């Protein structure tokens, strides 16, 4: 078997490549996931949409059902907190989002109270709870963004 100079040169280059360390894998840099900025009008539009949905889709209360005083106080506290959040948010964004977060927690308590008192029959309270939980999450996200900005 005759070898040419070019053939033995190629074999030597291949052997060098075989013995060489592997090239490091190029790992793309990780991108940071950032949340879009939550504006106050997002939250206002969400709560207005929630109340519009309640007016249109909420079932009638159970017959002869009297809402207990603590339930009325809970609803009143929720509405007062929402109004306070709207007015405070204009001057103090951080305080407005914080108050909206508290109002959202009160809204979730109202939804749970709806089923515990038997005010609405069926699963309406689950829709109420889901929407108020989502709005609470938006308010908390906006509050967290304001706290990080200082």
Protein backbone atom coordinates (compact mmCIF):
# COMPACT_ATOMS: atom_id res chain seq x y z
CA UNK A 1 0.00 0.00 0.00
CA UNK A 2 1.54 3.21 -1.18
CA UNK A 3 0.90 6.48 0.58
CA UNK A 4 1.29 9.81 -0.94
CA UNK A 5 2.61 12.81 0.85
CA UNK A 6 -0.81 14.48 0.71
CA UNK A 7 -2.54 11.42 2.15
CA UNK A 8 -0.15 11.12 5.08
CA UNK A 9 -0.48 14.87 5.68
CA UNK A 10 -4.26 14.53 5.85
CA UNK A 11 -4.01 11.57 8.23
CA UNK A 12 -1.69 13.56 10.51
CA UNK A 13 -4.10 16.53 10.54
CA UNK A 14 -7.02 14.25 11.35
CA UNK A 15 -5.08 12.64 14.20
CA UNK A 16 -4.27 16.09 15.59
CA UNK A 17 -7.92 17.03 15.44
CA UNK A 18 -8.86 13.80 17.19
CA UNK A 19 -6.41 14.48 20.02
CA UNK A 20 -7.32 18.19 20.34
CA UNK A 21 -9.66 19.22 23.16
CA UNK A 22 -13.27 19.80 22.19
CA UNK A 23 -14.30 23.33 21.37
CA UNK A 24 -16.29 24.88 24.18
CA UNK A 25 -20.01 24.94 23.57
CA UNK A 26 -21.34 28.39 22.98
CA UNK A 27 -24.21 28.95 25.37
CA UNK A 28 -26.44 31.88 24.51
CA UNK A 29 -26.79 34.38 27.33
CA UNK A 30 -29.96 34.05 29.38
CA UNK A 31 -32.48 36.76 28.81
CA UNK A 32 -34.11 38.24 31.87
CA UNK A 33 -37.83 38.03 31.83
CA UNK A 34 -39.30 41.39 32.61
CA UNK A 35 -42.86 42.14 33.39
CA UNK A 36 -44.55 44.96 31.52
CA UNK A 37 -45.08 48.10 33.54
CA UNK A 38 -48.44 48.19 35.28
CA UNK A 39 -50.12 51.55 34.90
CA UNK A 40 -52.90 52.84 37.12
CA UNK A 41 -55.39 52.93 34.27
CA UNK A 42 -54.89 49.18 33.75
CA UNK A 43 -56.15 48.59 37.25
CA UNK A 44 -58.99 51.09 36.96
CA UNK A 45 -60.14 49.51 33.70
CA UNK A 46 -59.97 46.06 35.29
CA UNK A 47 -62.10 47.04 38.28
CA UNK A 48 -64.63 48.87 36.09
CA UNK A 49 -64.84 45.81 33.87
CA UNK A 50 -65.32 43.62 36.93
CA UNK A 51 -68.20 45.75 38.22
CA UNK A 52 -69.79 45.81 34.75
CA UNK A 53 -69.55 42.01 34.66
CA UNK A 54 -71.12 41.78 38.12
CA UNK A 55 -74.02 44.00 37.07
CA UNK A 56 -74.69 41.98 33.93
CA UNK A 57 -74.00 38.39 34.97
CA UNK A 58 -74.47 38.11 38.74
CA UNK A 59 -77.40 35.88 39.68
CA UNK A 60 -80.17 37.21 41.85
CA UNK A 61 -79.61 36.74 45.57
CA UNK A 62 -81.38 33.85 47.22
CA UNK A 63 -84.95 34.63 48.25
CA UNK A 64 -85.50 35.94 51.75
CA UNK A 65 -81.74 36.16 52.18
CA UNK A 66 -80.56 38.89 54.48
CA UNK A 67 -76.90 39.80 54.20
CA UNK A 68 -75.33 39.80 57.68
CA UNK A 69 -73.92 43.03 59.05
CA UNK A 70 -70.34 41.79 58.74
CA UNK A 71 -70.96 41.10 55.05
CA UNK A 72 -72.26 44.62 54.48
CA UNK A 73 -69.26 46.04 56.34
CA UNK A 74 -66.92 43.94 54.21
CA UNK A 75 -68.50 45.21 50.99
CA UNK A 76 -68.39 48.80 52.26
CA UNK A 77 -64.72 48.46 53.24
CA UNK A 78 -63.94 47.04 49.80
CA UNK A 79 -65.62 49.94 47.99
CA UNK A 80 -64.03 52.54 50.28
CA UNK A 81 -60.60 50.99 49.72
CA UNK A 82 -61.14 51.03 45.94
CA UNK A 83 -62.16 54.69 45.97
CA UNK A 84 -59.24 55.55 48.24
CA UNK A 85 -56.88 53.69 45.89
CA UNK A 86 -58.17 55.65 42.91
CA UNK A 87 -57.75 59.01 44.62
CA UNK A 88 -54.46 58.20 46.35
CA UNK A 89 -53.05 56.73 43.15
CA UNK A 90 -53.26 60.11 41.42
CA UNK A 91 -50.97 61.79 43.93
CA UNK A 92 -49.04 58.87 45.35
CA UNK A 93 -48.69 55.95 42.95
CA UNK A 94 -47.13 53.65 45.52
CA UNK A 95 -49.84 54.25 48.09
CA UNK A 96 -52.58 53.89 45.49
CA UNK A 97 -51.33 50.49 44.34
CA UNK A 98 -50.88 49.36 47.95
CA UNK A 99 -54.43 50.36 48.80
CA UNK A 100 -55.70 48.64 45.64
CA UNK A 101 -53.94 45.46 46.79
CA UNK A 102 -55.75 45.66 50.13
CA UNK A 103 -59.02 46.32 48.29
CA UNK A 104 -58.41 43.23 46.16
CA UNK A 105 -57.91 41.11 49.27
CA UNK A 106 -61.17 42.48 50.65
CA UNK A 107 -62.83 41.65 47.32
CA UNK A 108 -61.67 38.06 47.62
CA UNK A 109 -63.09 37.95 51.14
CA UNK A 110 -66.42 39.27 49.76
CA UNK A 111 -66.43 36.47 47.17
CA UNK A 112 -65.86 33.82 49.82
CA UNK A 113 -68.46 35.44 52.08
CA UNK A 114 -70.93 35.18 49.19
CA UNK A 115 -70.84 31.40 49.39
CA UNK A 116 -70.56 31.09 53.17
CA UNK A 117 -73.70 33.18 53.75
CA UNK A 118 -75.64 31.52 50.92
CA UNK A 119 -76.23 34.91 49.33
CA UNK A 120 -75.88 33.59 45.78
CA UNK A 121 -76.59 30.02 44.85
CA UNK A 122 -74.33 28.10 42.51
CA UNK A 123 -70.74 28.81 41.64
CA UNK A 124 -70.93 32.54 40.99
CA UNK A 125 -68.57 33.11 43.89
CA UNK A 126 -65.80 31.27 41.98
CA UNK A 127 -65.98 33.75 39.09
CA UNK A 128 -66.01 36.60 41.58
CA UNK A 129 -63.04 35.12 43.42
CA UNK A 130 -61.09 34.54 40.21
CA UNK A 131 -61.54 38.08 38.92
CA UNK A 132 -60.73 39.71 42.25
CA UNK A 133 -57.66 37.50 42.66
CA UNK A 134 -56.43 38.53 39.20
CA UNK A 135 -57.00 42.20 39.99
CA UNK A 136 -55.22 41.78 43.32
CA UNK A 137 -52.27 40.27 41.47
CA UNK A 138 -52.13 43.22 39.05
CA UNK A 139 -52.29 45.68 41.94
CA UNK A 140 -49.56 43.82 43.85
CA UNK A 141 -47.37 43.74 40.73
CA UNK A 142 -47.79 47.50 40.27
CA UNK A 143 -47.06 48.04 43.95
CA UNK A 144 -43.90 45.94 43.72
CA UNK A 145 -42.75 47.86 40.64
CA UNK A 146 -43.25 51.16 42.48
CA UNK A 147 -41.31 49.90 45.50
CA UNK A 148 -38.34 48.84 43.35
CA UNK A 149 -38.20 52.20 41.62
CA UNK A 150 -38.07 54.27 44.79
